[in-house]
Amino acid sequence: MPEPRTPDPGQTTRRPPAPDDAGTITLSVDCGGSGIKAAVLDAAGTAHAEPVRVPTPYPLPPSRLVETIAEIAATLPPPSA
């Protein structure tokens, strides 16, 4: 097994600046073999709508997956201002 690298003391590690997450709402989707589930979450992970679950269609080519996610998203309430 290779030895772990020791960082160069003159080298600094920079992380990209964190985005301004205030007001960010995300559609979180879990595509499983028996169901596709979706939830609307804020940056802290707080739900902003009831989760939705629909059976996974079969067959599920990429175009059908996108259609299904769009159909789910259309049933969810718009983000509040």
C-alpha atoms as a PDB file:
ATOM      1  CA  MET A   1       0.000   0.000   0.000  1.00  0.00           C
ATOM      2  CA  PRO A   2       1.438   3.439  -0.842  1.00  0.00           C
ATOM      3  CA  GLU A   3       2.496   5.772   1.927  1.00  0.00           C
ATOM      4  CA  PRO A   4       0.092   8.661   2.577  1.00  0.00           C
ATOM      5  CA  ARG A   5       1.305  11.942   1.155  1.00  0.00           C
ATOM      6  CA  THR A   6       2.455  14.617   3.532  1.00  0.00           C
ATOM      7  CA  PRO A   7       1.138  18.037   2.513  1.00  0.00           C
ATOM      8  CA  ASP A   8       3.688  20.637   1.533  1.00  0.00           C
ATOM      9  CA  PRO A   9       3.697  23.201   4.374  1.00  0.00           C
ATOM     10  CA  GLY A  10       3.959  26.024   1.832  1.00  0.00           C
ATOM     11  CA  GLN A  11       0.887  24.807  -0.019  1.00  0.00           C
ATOM     12  CA  THR A  12      -2.549  25.944   1.060  1.00  0.00           C
ATOM     13  CA  THR A  13      -5.757  24.103   0.429  1.00  0.00           C
ATOM     14  CA  ARG A  14      -8.582  26.277  -0.749  1.00  0.00           C
ATOM     15  CA  ARG A  15     -12.210  25.407  -0.744  1.00  0.00           C
ATOM     16  CA  PRO A  16     -14.579  27.141  -3.096  1.00  0.00           C
ATOM     17  CA  PRO A  17     -16.768  29.728  -1.392  1.00  0.00           C
ATOM     18  CA  ALA A  18     -20.067  28.382  -0.109  1.00  0.00           C
ATOM     19  CA  PRO A  19     -23.039  29.426  -2.211  1.00  0.00           C
ATOM     20  CA  ASP A  20     -25.640  31.666  -0.645  1.00  0.00           C
ATOM     21  CA  ASP A  21     -28.105  28.977   0.362  1.00  0.00           C
ATOM     22  CA  ALA A  22     -30.718  31.374   1.733  1.00  0.00           C
ATOM     23  CA  GLY A  23     -33.951  30.668  -0.070  1.00  0.00           C
ATOM     24  CA  THR A  24     -32.612  27.698  -2.033  1.00  0.00           C
ATOM     25  CA  ILE A  25     -35.270  25.045  -2.599  1.00  0.00           C
ATOM     26  CA  THR A  26     -34.337  21.667  -4.072  1.00  0.00           C
ATOM     27  CA  LEU A  27     -36.398  18.884  -5.608  1.00  0.00           C
ATOM     28  CA  SER A  28     -34.855  15.744  -4.155  1.00  0.00           C
ATOM     29  CA  VAL A  29     -35.599  12.560  -6.135  1.00  0.00           C
ATOM     30  CA  ASP A  30     -34.992   8.916  -5.239  1.00  0.00           C
ATOM     31  CA  CYS A  31     -35.473   6.537  -8.142  1.00  0.00           C
ATOM     32  CA  GLY A  32     -35.829   2.959  -6.940  1.00  0.00           C
ATOM     33  CA  GLY A  33     -36.892  -0.298  -8.502  1.00  0.00           C
ATOM     34  CA  SER A  34     -40.423  -0.174  -7.091  1.00  0.00           C
ATOM     35  CA  GLY A  35     -41.005   3.546  -6.632  1.00  0.00           C
ATOM     36  CA  ILE A  36     -39.847   7.051  -7.504  1.00  0.00           C
ATOM     37  CA  LYS A  37     -39.998   9.355  -4.516  1.00  0.00           C
ATOM     38  CA  ALA A  38     -39.632  13.124  -4.412  1.00  0.00           C
ATOM     39  CA  ALA A  39     -39.487  15.791  -1.734  1.00  0.00           C
ATOM     40  CA  VAL A  40     -38.991  19.557  -1.731  1.00  0.00           C
ATOM     41  CA  LEU A  41     -36.227  20.550   0.691  1.00  0.00           C
ATOM     42  CA  ASP A  42     -34.440  23.730   1.709  1.00  0.00           C
ATOM     43  CA  ALA A  43     -30.687  23.996   2.276  1.00  0.00           C
ATOM     44  CA  ALA A  44     -31.085  22.741   5.861  1.00  0.00           C
ATOM     45  CA  GLY A  45     -33.026  19.669   4.692  1.00  0.00           C
ATOM     46  CA  THR A  46     -36.405  20.900   5.960  1.00  0.00           C
ATOM     47  CA  ALA A  47     -39.331  19.604   3.915  1.00  0.00           C
ATOM     48  CA  HIS A  48     -41.495  22.252   2.227  1.00  0.00           C
ATOM     49  CA  ALA A  49     -44.131  19.912   0.792  1.00  0.00           C
ATOM     50  CA  GLU A  50     -45.459  16.451   1.507  1.00  0.00           C
ATOM     51  CA  PRO A  51     -43.230  13.776  -0.067  1.00  0.00           C
ATOM     52  CA  VAL A  52     -44.617  12.134  -3.213  1.00  0.00           C
ATOM     53  CA  ARG A  53     -44.236   8.510  -4.315  1.00  0.00           C
ATOM     54  CA  VAL A  54     -45.268   6.932  -7.612  1.00  0.00           C
ATOM     55  CA  PRO A  55     -44.606   3.400  -8.847  1.00  0.00           C
ATOM     56  CA  THR A  56     -41.538   3.101 -11.053  1.00  0.00           C
ATOM     57  CA  PRO A  57     -42.706   2.569 -14.643  1.00  0.00           C
ATOM     58  CA  TYR A  58     -41.246  -0.370 -16.524  1.00  0.00           C
ATOM     59  CA  PRO A  59     -39.457  -0.195 -18.843  1.00  0.00           C
ATOM     60  CA  LEU A  60     -37.851   3.061 -17.742  1.00  0.00           C
ATOM     61  CA  PRO A  61     -35.725   4.589 -20.496  1.00  0.00           C
ATOM     62  CA  PRO A  62     -34.145   7.966 -19.620  1.00  0.00           C
ATOM     63  CA  SER A  63     -36.866   9.919 -21.442  1.00  0.00           C
ATOM     64  CA  ARG A  64     -39.591   8.226 -19.372  1.00  0.00           C
ATOM     65  CA  LEU A  65     -37.670   8.913 -16.150  1.00  0.00           C
ATOM     66  CA  VAL A  66     -37.472  12.615 -17.024  1.00  0.00           C
ATOM     67  CA  GLU A  67     -41.199  12.654 -17.892  1.00  0.00           C
ATOM     68  CA  THR A  68     -42.064  10.988 -14.585  1.00  0.00           C
ATOM     69  CA  ILE A  69     -39.970  13.434 -12.556  1.00  0.00           C
ATOM     70  CA  ALA A  70     -41.555  16.374 -14.445  1.00  0.00           C
ATOM     71  CA  GLU A  71     -45.034  14.970 -13.713  1.00  0.00           C
ATOM     72  CA  ILE A  72     -44.185  14.664 -10.013  1.00  0.00           C
ATOM     73  CA  ALA A  73     -42.745  18.184  -9.917  1.00  0.00           C
ATOM     74  CA  ALA A  74     -45.887  19.595 -11.532  1.00  0.00           C
ATOM     75  CA  THR A  75     -47.993  18.271  -8.621  1.00  0.00           C
ATOM     76  CA  LEU A  76     -45.903  20.027  -5.981  1.00  0.00           C
ATOM     77  CA  PRO A  77     -46.701  23.514  -4.702  1.00  0.00           C
ATOM     78  CA  PRO A  78     -44.504  26.372  -5.967  1.00  0.00           C
ATOM     79  CA  PRO A  79     -41.856  27.639  -3.560  1.00  0.00           C
ATOM     80  CA  SER A  80     -43.142  30.373  -1.306  1.00  0.00           C
ATOM     81  CA  ALA A  81     -41.534  33.778  -1.729  1.00  0.00           C
END
